[in-house]
């Protein structure tokens, strides 16, 4: 978690070896010809971005830190892990507690890969930024030992679940209100940035924050310096400026890329939301915290829902500072090597992965690691297969 490594991102499956000219419009591959690279595991992770008749290309993406959080039941995690031994031994996959992590759903270093959580609704009721900081610090330090002697929060990391409109100020409010939970959280995270953790880094660097879809879509819809304005120039949307500062001061921010009315009813993000939300959030985070590279902090958190009709993928034609930053991190390497290409299967999950790779910003965020929320059954099995194909492992 502490070191910086150079990864390559893509989707991989040696299912069908095709000649370089026999390519899908957008193809995902693994190049086994670079398996001798010291950074590779079972071959380089690659992504082919080609048009028919063009030579294939590899894409190399450096990331500061890769991490994935499985926020699922034991049944869902067991299905996601499937038969993979490699996936279970990856040090950068974590379970979101509470769970029992029974054998089929356990990771290799079971206790140190389990993250406790703090309710954002409860945290919002704390009377001050200091009280918020104390609560979050206690969550990182917490030992959750069961009667059987298992520590169920041994990662000494905590997630804040989840930022909603409670952490926003009204549309017309452009100055920080000390009574607002978002303002207090930003101050609390600044305090925690200055306190070293015995588990490594600062206490702030061990806090992960989930971002509700209502927050991210509001930011994407808004205009103006605070993202509060509609197209008519009037203030219609809540001001998440200080919540964004809190995100920039924590470990990583997890964008929930689905809608829900309760934990059991979820619907997929639209093609427009997949196109606009990641770039809008990354842009706003950089504006509110200029010293932070949001592309190092953002992750997708996905649920077991995809489109039910078709798989439209929209690509932005607007070249922004964030898209240029993302594109600069992606090295395209032409190669004459024959490649194994995965055609789009047409399933909701394959469409989900296609949208996660649509455009440089989405592709850069996906390279950081993808998390799941309440994925189960056959959907979890397919998601796990695609997840392993992307990060190239058995």
Protein backbone atom coordinates (compact mmCIF):
# COMPACT_ATOMS: atom_id res chain seq x y z
CA UNK A 1 0.00 0.00 0.00
CA UNK A 2 2.92 2.38 0.68
CA UNK A 3 5.05 1.92 -2.43
CA UNK A 4 4.54 3.30 -5.92
CA UNK A 5 4.50 0.70 -8.65
CA UNK A 6 4.12 0.85 -12.38
CA UNK A 7 1.17 -1.17 -13.59
CA UNK A 8 -0.31 -1.82 -16.98
CA UNK A 9 -4.08 -1.92 -17.26
CA UNK A 10 -6.37 -3.75 -19.63
CA UNK A 11 -8.65 -6.69 -20.00
CA UNK A 12 -7.27 -10.10 -20.79
CA UNK A 13 -8.27 -13.54 -21.95
CA UNK A 14 -6.33 -15.80 -24.26
CA UNK A 15 -9.52 -17.19 -25.70
CA UNK A 16 -8.97 -16.72 -29.39
CA UNK A 17 -5.71 -15.84 -31.14
CA UNK A 18 -6.49 -13.53 -34.02
CA UNK A 19 -4.23 -11.96 -36.60
CA UNK A 20 -3.57 -8.25 -36.03
CA UNK A 21 -5.90 -7.30 -38.86
CA UNK A 22 -8.88 -9.27 -37.49
CA UNK A 23 -9.86 -6.88 -34.72
CA UNK A 24 -13.08 -5.71 -33.21
CA UNK A 25 -13.78 -1.97 -33.19
CA UNK A 26 -12.67 -1.89 -29.56
CA UNK A 27 -10.90 -5.04 -28.46
CA UNK A 28 -9.51 -6.13 -25.12
CA UNK A 29 -6.55 -8.46 -25.11
CA UNK A 30 -3.62 -9.93 -23.26
CA UNK A 31 -0.16 -9.98 -24.84
CA UNK A 32 1.64 -13.07 -23.62
CA UNK A 33 4.71 -12.06 -25.60
CA UNK A 34 5.79 -9.68 -22.82
CA UNK A 35 5.47 -12.21 -20.02
CA UNK A 36 9.21 -11.96 -19.24
CA UNK A 37 8.80 -8.38 -18.07
CA UNK A 38 9.70 -8.24 -14.33
CA UNK A 39 6.56 -6.21 -13.62
CA UNK A 40 4.31 -8.76 -15.29
CA UNK A 41 2.30 -11.56 -13.72
CA UNK A 42 1.23 -14.18 -16.24
CA UNK A 43 1.79 -11.66 -18.99
CA UNK A 44 1.38 -7.94 -19.35
CA UNK A 45 -2.00 -6.37 -18.79
CA UNK A 46 -2.99 -4.65 -21.98
CA UNK A 47 -5.88 -2.98 -23.70
CA UNK A 48 -6.30 -2.81 -27.45
CA UNK A 49 -7.84 0.38 -28.78
CA UNK A 50 -8.08 -0.15 -32.51
CA UNK A 51 -10.32 0.29 -35.49
CA UNK A 52 -10.77 -2.39 -38.17
CA UNK A 53 -7.69 -2.60 -40.38
CA UNK A 54 -5.39 -0.85 -37.90
CA UNK A 55 -2.51 -2.49 -36.06
CA UNK A 56 -3.18 -3.39 -32.42
CA UNK A 57 -1.82 -1.28 -29.58
CA UNK A 58 -0.90 -1.93 -25.97
CA UNK A 59 -1.80 0.57 -23.28
CA UNK A 60 0.42 1.06 -20.24
CA UNK A 61 -0.97 2.98 -17.25
CA UNK A 62 1.08 3.88 -14.15
CA UNK A 63 -0.90 4.06 -10.90
CA UNK A 64 0.20 5.23 -7.45
CA UNK A 65 -1.69 2.56 -5.59
CA UNK A 66 -4.06 -0.18 -6.64
CA UNK A 67 -6.82 -1.29 -4.28
CA UNK A 68 -10.18 -3.05 -4.61
CA UNK A 69 -12.89 -3.32 -1.96
CA UNK A 70 -15.48 -6.10 -2.03
CA UNK A 71 -18.53 -4.75 -0.19
CA UNK A 72 -20.50 -7.98 -0.45
CA UNK A 73 -21.87 -10.93 1.46
CA UNK A 74 -19.76 -14.06 1.85
CA UNK A 75 -21.80 -15.72 -0.90
CA UNK A 76 -21.13 -12.84 -3.29
CA UNK A 77 -17.41 -12.66 -2.50
CA UNK A 78 -17.01 -16.43 -2.88
CA UNK A 79 -18.64 -16.22 -6.34
CA UNK A 80 -16.46 -13.23 -7.32
CA UNK A 81 -13.25 -14.96 -6.21
CA UNK A 82 -14.33 -18.17 -7.95
CA UNK A 83 -11.60 -20.78 -8.29
CA UNK A 84 -8.79 -18.22 -8.46
CA UNK A 85 -5.93 -18.75 -6.03
CA UNK A 86 -4.03 -15.74 -7.33
CA UNK A 87 -6.91 -13.35 -6.63
CA UNK A 88 -7.22 -14.53 -3.03
CA UNK A 89 -3.52 -13.79 -2.41
CA UNK A 90 -3.49 -10.27 -3.84
CA UNK A 91 -2.53 -7.88 -1.02
CA UNK A 92 -4.56 -5.03 -2.49
CA UNK A 93 -8.04 -6.65 -2.27
CA UNK A 94 -10.02 -5.95 0.89
CA UNK A 95 -13.32 -7.04 2.42
CA UNK A 96 -15.70 -4.39 3.70
CA UNK A 97 -16.84 -5.37 7.17
CA UNK A 98 -19.00 -6.55 8.76
CA UNK A 99 -18.74 -10.07 7.34
CA UNK A 100 -17.92 -13.53 8.59
CA UNK A 101 -15.34 -14.14 5.83
CA UNK A 102 -15.95 -17.87 5.95
CA UNK A 103 -13.43 -20.06 4.15
CA UNK A 104 -14.76 -19.79 0.58
CA UNK A 105 -14.97 -16.00 0.90
CA UNK A 106 -11.74 -15.43 2.81
CA UNK A 107 -8.70 -13.65 1.47
CA UNK A 108 -5.22 -15.03 2.11
CA UNK A 109 -4.27 -12.57 4.85
CA UNK A 110 -7.78 -12.60 6.22
CA UNK A 111 -7.50 -10.32 9.23
CA UNK A 112 -5.28 -7.63 7.67
CA UNK A 113 -7.48 -7.31 4.58
CA UNK A 114 -10.70 -6.40 6.35
CA UNK A 115 -11.86 -2.78 6.60
CA UNK A 116 -14.20 -1.43 9.23
CA UNK A 117 -16.68 1.33 8.39
CA UNK A 118 -18.19 4.46 9.87
CA UNK A 119 -21.73 5.60 9.13
CA UNK A 120 -21.61 9.00 7.42
CA UNK A 121 -25.08 9.76 8.79
CA UNK A 122 -23.84 9.12 12.34
CA UNK A 123 -20.66 11.10 11.74
CA UNK A 124 -22.69 14.09 10.53
CA UNK A 125 -24.26 14.29 14.00
CA UNK A 126 -20.91 14.84 15.69
CA UNK A 127 -20.88 18.36 17.15
CA UNK A 128 -17.51 19.50 15.80
CA UNK A 129 -14.68 18.77 13.38
CA UNK A 130 -12.58 17.59 16.32
CA UNK A 131 -15.25 15.09 17.34
CA UNK A 132 -15.43 13.85 13.74
CA UNK A 133 -11.66 13.42 13.63
CA UNK A 134 -11.71 11.53 16.94
CA UNK A 135 -14.38 9.15 15.63
CA UNK A 136 -12.51 8.43 12.40
CA UNK A 137 -9.20 7.99 14.22
CA UNK A 138 -10.81 5.54 16.64
CA UNK A 139 -12.19 3.55 13.68
CA UNK A 140 -8.68 3.20 12.21
CA UNK A 141 -7.24 2.12 15.58
CA UNK A 142 -10.12 -0.22 16.32
CA UNK A 143 -9.57 -3.90 17.06
CA UNK A 144 -12.58 -6.05 16.21
CA UNK A 145 -11.79 -9.38 17.80
CA UNK A 146 -14.51 -12.00 17.69
CA UNK A 147 -15.08 -14.60 20.46
CA UNK A 148 -13.20 -17.04 18.23
CA UNK A 149 -10.17 -14.74 18.22
CA UNK A 150 -10.43 -13.30 14.68
CA UNK A 151 -9.72 -9.63 14.07
CA UNK A 152 -12.33 -8.42 11.59
CA UNK A 153 -10.80 -4.98 11.00
CA UNK A 154 -7.12 -5.79 10.87
CA UNK A 155 -6.35 -3.54 7.89
CA UNK A 156 -6.55 -0.55 10.24
CA UNK A 157 -8.38 1.34 7.54
CA UNK A 158 -11.90 2.70 7.72
CA UNK A 159 -14.50 3.58 5.12
CA UNK A 160 -16.96 6.43 5.47
CA UNK A 161 -20.27 5.17 4.14
CA UNK A 162 -21.45 7.35 2.35
CA UNK A 163 -21.36 11.06 1.41
CA UNK A 164 -24.83 12.31 0.50
CA UNK A 165 -26.61 15.68 0.33
CA UNK A 166 -26.21 15.89 4.12
CA UNK A 167 -22.62 16.95 3.42
CA UNK A 168 -23.61 19.68 0.95
CA UNK A 169 -24.45 23.32 1.50
CA UNK A 170 -27.51 24.98 -0.08
CA UNK A 171 -27.14 26.14 -3.70
CA UNK A 172 -26.89 29.80 -2.72
CA UNK A 173 -24.30 29.25 0.01
CA UNK A 174 -20.76 30.01 -1.22
CA UNK A 175 -19.00 30.49 2.12
CA UNK A 176 -18.20 27.64 4.51
CA UNK A 177 -20.79 27.20 7.24
CA UNK A 178 -19.05 25.76 10.35
CA UNK A 179 -22.27 23.94 11.24
CA UNK A 180 -22.36 22.08 7.92
CA UNK A 181 -21.19 18.44 8.07
CA UNK A 182 -19.24 18.81 4.82
CA UNK A 183 -17.30 21.78 6.14
CA UNK A 184 -16.63 20.00 9.43
CA UNK A 185 -15.51 16.84 7.62
CA UNK A 186 -13.05 18.82 5.49
CA UNK A 187 -11.59 20.32 8.67
CA UNK A 188 -11.49 16.92 10.39
CA UNK A 189 -9.61 15.36 7.48
CA UNK A 190 -7.12 18.24 7.55
CA UNK A 191 -6.50 17.49 11.24
CA UNK A 192 -6.00 13.79 10.49
CA UNK A 193 -3.53 14.60 7.71
CA UNK A 194 -1.23 15.97 10.40
CA UNK A 195 -1.39 12.94 12.70
CA UNK A 196 0.92 10.01 11.84
CA UNK A 197 -0.70 6.60 12.10
CA UNK A 198 1.18 3.71 13.70
CA UNK A 199 -0.18 1.60 10.83
CA UNK A 200 1.56 3.73 8.19
CA UNK A 201 0.96 7.14 6.66
CA UNK A 202 -1.33 9.66 8.32
CA UNK A 203 -4.72 8.84 9.78
CA UNK A 204 -6.34 10.66 6.86
CA UNK A 205 -4.50 8.38 4.41
CA UNK A 206 -6.31 5.39 5.94
CA UNK A 207 -9.84 6.74 5.44
CA UNK A 208 -11.74 5.65 2.29
CA UNK A 209 -14.90 7.54 1.36
CA UNK A 210 -17.89 6.26 -0.61
CA UNK A 211 -19.65 8.85 -2.78
CA UNK A 212 -23.40 8.44 -3.27
CA UNK A 213 -24.75 8.82 -6.83
CA UNK A 214 -26.84 11.82 -5.79
CA UNK A 215 -23.65 13.74 -5.03
CA UNK A 216 -21.70 12.77 -8.15
CA UNK A 217 -24.59 13.31 -10.58
CA UNK A 218 -25.37 16.69 -9.01
CA UNK A 219 -21.77 17.78 -9.59
CA UNK A 220 -21.93 16.52 -13.18
CA UNK A 221 -25.16 18.41 -13.85
CA UNK A 222 -24.04 21.66 -12.23
CA UNK A 223 -22.21 24.59 -13.76
CA UNK A 224 -20.25 27.50 -12.34
CA UNK A 225 -17.38 27.53 -9.84
CA UNK A 226 -19.40 25.69 -7.19
CA UNK A 227 -21.33 23.43 -9.62
CA UNK A 228 -24.57 24.89 -8.30
CA UNK A 229 -25.86 26.57 -11.44
CA UNK A 230 -28.17 25.24 -14.09
CA UNK A 231 -27.90 26.11 -17.76
CA UNK A 232 -30.01 29.18 -17.03
CA UNK A 233 -27.25 30.56 -14.77
CA UNK A 234 -29.40 30.26 -11.63
CA UNK A 235 -28.51 28.22 -8.54
CA UNK A 236 -30.34 24.88 -8.57
CA UNK A 237 -27.83 22.31 -7.29
CA UNK A 238 -26.30 21.79 -3.87
CA UNK A 239 -22.77 22.98 -3.14
CA UNK A 240 -20.40 20.06 -2.47
CA UNK A 241 -17.22 22.16 -2.45
CA UNK A 242 -16.12 21.28 1.08
CA UNK A 243 -17.12 17.65 0.76
CA UNK A 244 -14.78 17.52 -2.25
CA UNK A 245 -11.96 18.94 -0.14
CA UNK A 246 -12.58 16.15 2.39
CA UNK A 247 -12.34 13.58 -0.42
CA UNK A 248 -9.01 14.98 -1.60
CA UNK A 249 -7.54 14.68 1.92
CA UNK A 250 -8.50 11.04 2.45
CA UNK A 251 -7.10 7.82 1.03
CA UNK A 252 -9.39 7.11 -1.94
CA UNK A 253 -12.84 8.14 -3.12
CA UNK A 254 -15.23 5.48 -4.39
CA UNK A 255 -17.85 6.60 -6.91
CA UNK A 256 -21.01 4.50 -6.63
CA UNK A 257 -21.83 4.07 -10.31
CA UNK A 258 -25.47 3.06 -9.93
CA UNK A 259 -28.74 4.45 -8.64
CA UNK A 260 -30.71 3.02 -5.74
CA UNK A 261 -33.78 3.62 -3.63
CA UNK A 262 -32.67 1.14 -1.02
CA UNK A 263 -29.91 -1.44 -0.79
CA UNK A 264 -32.01 -3.98 -2.70
CA UNK A 265 -33.20 -1.84 -5.63
CA UNK A 266 -30.50 -0.60 -7.98
CA UNK A 267 -30.51 0.60 -11.57
CA UNK A 268 -27.60 1.11 -13.94
CA UNK A 269 -26.03 4.46 -14.69
CA UNK A 270 -26.95 5.74 -18.13
CA UNK A 271 -24.39 6.04 -20.95
CA UNK A 272 -24.40 9.82 -20.41
CA UNK A 273 -23.70 9.41 -16.69
CA UNK A 274 -20.81 7.03 -17.38
CA UNK A 275 -19.42 9.60 -19.80
CA UNK A 276 -19.93 12.72 -17.67
CA UNK A 277 -19.77 11.82 -13.97
CA UNK A 278 -16.16 10.59 -13.62
CA UNK A 279 -14.71 13.52 -15.57
CA UNK A 280 -16.91 16.06 -13.78
CA UNK A 281 -16.01 14.78 -10.31
CA UNK A 282 -12.30 14.61 -11.13
CA UNK A 283 -12.37 18.14 -12.55
CA UNK A 284 -14.22 19.58 -9.55
CA UNK A 285 -11.89 17.81 -7.09
CA UNK A 286 -8.86 19.31 -8.79
CA UNK A 287 -10.43 22.77 -8.74
CA UNK A 288 -11.22 22.54 -5.03
CA UNK A 289 -7.83 20.99 -4.16
CA UNK A 290 -5.31 22.07 -6.82
CA UNK A 291 -2.41 20.14 -5.23
CA UNK A 292 -4.27 16.84 -5.57
CA UNK A 293 -4.29 14.65 -8.66
CA UNK A 294 -7.82 13.20 -8.45
CA UNK A 295 -6.97 10.49 -10.96
CA UNK A 296 -4.77 8.90 -8.28
CA UNK A 297 -7.67 8.76 -5.81
CA UNK A 298 -10.85 7.90 -7.69
CA UNK A 299 -12.30 4.41 -8.03
CA UNK A 300 -15.48 2.91 -9.42
CA UNK A 301 -17.77 1.02 -7.08
CA UNK A 302 -20.18 -1.06 -9.16
CA UNK A 303 -23.28 -3.09 -8.36
CA UNK A 304 -24.64 -6.17 -10.08
CA UNK A 305 -26.70 -4.17 -12.55
CA UNK A 306 -26.06 -3.31 -16.16
CA UNK A 307 -28.14 -2.07 -19.08
CA UNK A 308 -31.04 -4.29 -20.05
CA UNK A 309 -31.20 -3.10 -23.66
CA UNK A 310 -28.10 -2.57 -25.75
CA UNK A 311 -24.74 -1.18 -24.69
CA UNK A 312 -24.39 2.38 -25.92
CA UNK A 313 -21.03 3.91 -24.97
CA UNK A 314 -20.68 7.67 -25.27
CA UNK A 315 -17.26 9.27 -25.59
CA UNK A 316 -16.72 12.92 -24.78
CA UNK A 317 -15.43 15.12 -27.55
CA UNK A 318 -14.40 17.87 -25.13
CA UNK A 319 -10.68 18.08 -24.37
CA UNK A 320 -10.26 19.29 -20.78
CA UNK A 321 -7.35 19.54 -18.35
CA UNK A 322 -8.44 16.30 -16.70
CA UNK A 323 -8.79 14.37 -19.96
CA UNK A 324 -5.35 15.60 -21.01
CA UNK A 325 -3.90 14.53 -17.65
CA UNK A 326 -5.48 11.10 -18.00
CA UNK A 327 -4.33 10.73 -21.58
CA UNK A 328 -0.77 11.71 -20.63
CA UNK A 329 -0.68 8.81 -18.14
CA UNK A 330 -1.61 6.28 -20.82
CA UNK A 331 1.19 5.13 -23.08
CA UNK A 332 0.04 3.58 -26.35
CA UNK A 333 2.54 1.07 -27.72
CA UNK A 334 2.00 -0.26 -31.27
CA UNK A 335 2.82 -3.95 -31.59
CA UNK A 336 2.89 -6.42 -34.47
CA UNK A 337 2.32 -9.37 -32.10
CA UNK A 338 -0.75 -11.60 -32.63
CA UNK A 339 -3.23 -10.90 -29.84
CA UNK A 340 -6.02 -12.78 -28.10
CA UNK A 341 -9.18 -10.72 -28.51
CA UNK A 342 -12.36 -10.87 -26.44
CA UNK A 343 -15.47 -9.88 -28.39
CA UNK A 344 -18.26 -8.10 -26.54
CA UNK A 345 -20.43 -10.90 -25.14
CA UNK A 346 -23.51 -8.69 -24.97
CA UNK A 347 -24.07 -9.35 -21.25
CA UNK A 348 -24.79 -6.49 -18.80
CA UNK A 349 -21.50 -7.14 -16.99
CA UNK A 350 -19.39 -7.04 -20.16
CA UNK A 351 -21.11 -3.77 -21.02
CA UNK A 352 -20.23 -2.44 -17.58
CA UNK A 353 -16.54 -3.16 -18.17
CA UNK A 354 -16.77 -1.61 -21.63
CA UNK A 355 -18.09 1.63 -20.12
CA UNK A 356 -15.43 1.58 -17.42
CA UNK A 357 -12.83 1.74 -20.20
CA UNK A 358 -14.56 4.30 -22.41
CA UNK A 359 -12.27 7.30 -22.72
CA UNK A 360 -9.00 8.20 -20.98
CA UNK A 361 -10.51 9.33 -17.66
CA UNK A 362 -12.60 6.20 -17.14
CA UNK A 363 -9.73 3.99 -18.24
CA UNK A 364 -7.32 5.73 -15.87
CA UNK A 365 -9.74 5.36 -12.93
CA UNK A 366 -10.35 1.69 -13.70
CA UNK A 367 -6.60 1.09 -13.54
CA UNK A 368 -6.70 2.11 -9.85
CA UNK A 369 -8.88 -0.90 -8.97
CA UNK A 370 -12.64 -1.54 -9.05
CA UNK A 371 -14.86 -2.35 -6.07
CA UNK A 372 -18.21 -4.12 -5.83
CA UNK A 373 -21.35 -3.54 -3.79
CA UNK A 374 -23.83 -6.33 -3.13
CA UNK A 375 -22.96 -8.36 -6.21
CA UNK A 376 -24.15 -11.96 -5.97
CA UNK A 377 -25.04 -15.14 -7.83
CA UNK A 378 -24.23 -15.63 -11.49
CA UNK A 379 -23.60 -11.90 -11.87
CA UNK A 380 -20.84 -12.08 -9.25
CA UNK A 381 -19.32 -15.09 -11.03
CA UNK A 382 -19.23 -13.25 -14.35
CA UNK A 383 -17.99 -10.05 -12.74
CA UNK A 384 -15.15 -12.00 -11.10
CA UNK A 385 -14.21 -13.59 -14.42
CA UNK A 386 -14.07 -10.19 -16.13
CA UNK A 387 -12.23 -8.65 -13.19
CA UNK A 388 -9.53 -11.31 -13.42
CA UNK A 389 -9.36 -10.92 -17.17
CA UNK A 390 -8.81 -7.19 -16.79
CA UNK A 391 -6.02 -7.54 -14.25
CA UNK A 392 -4.67 -10.68 -15.93
CA UNK A 393 -4.59 -13.46 -13.41
CA UNK A 394 -5.85 -17.05 -13.24
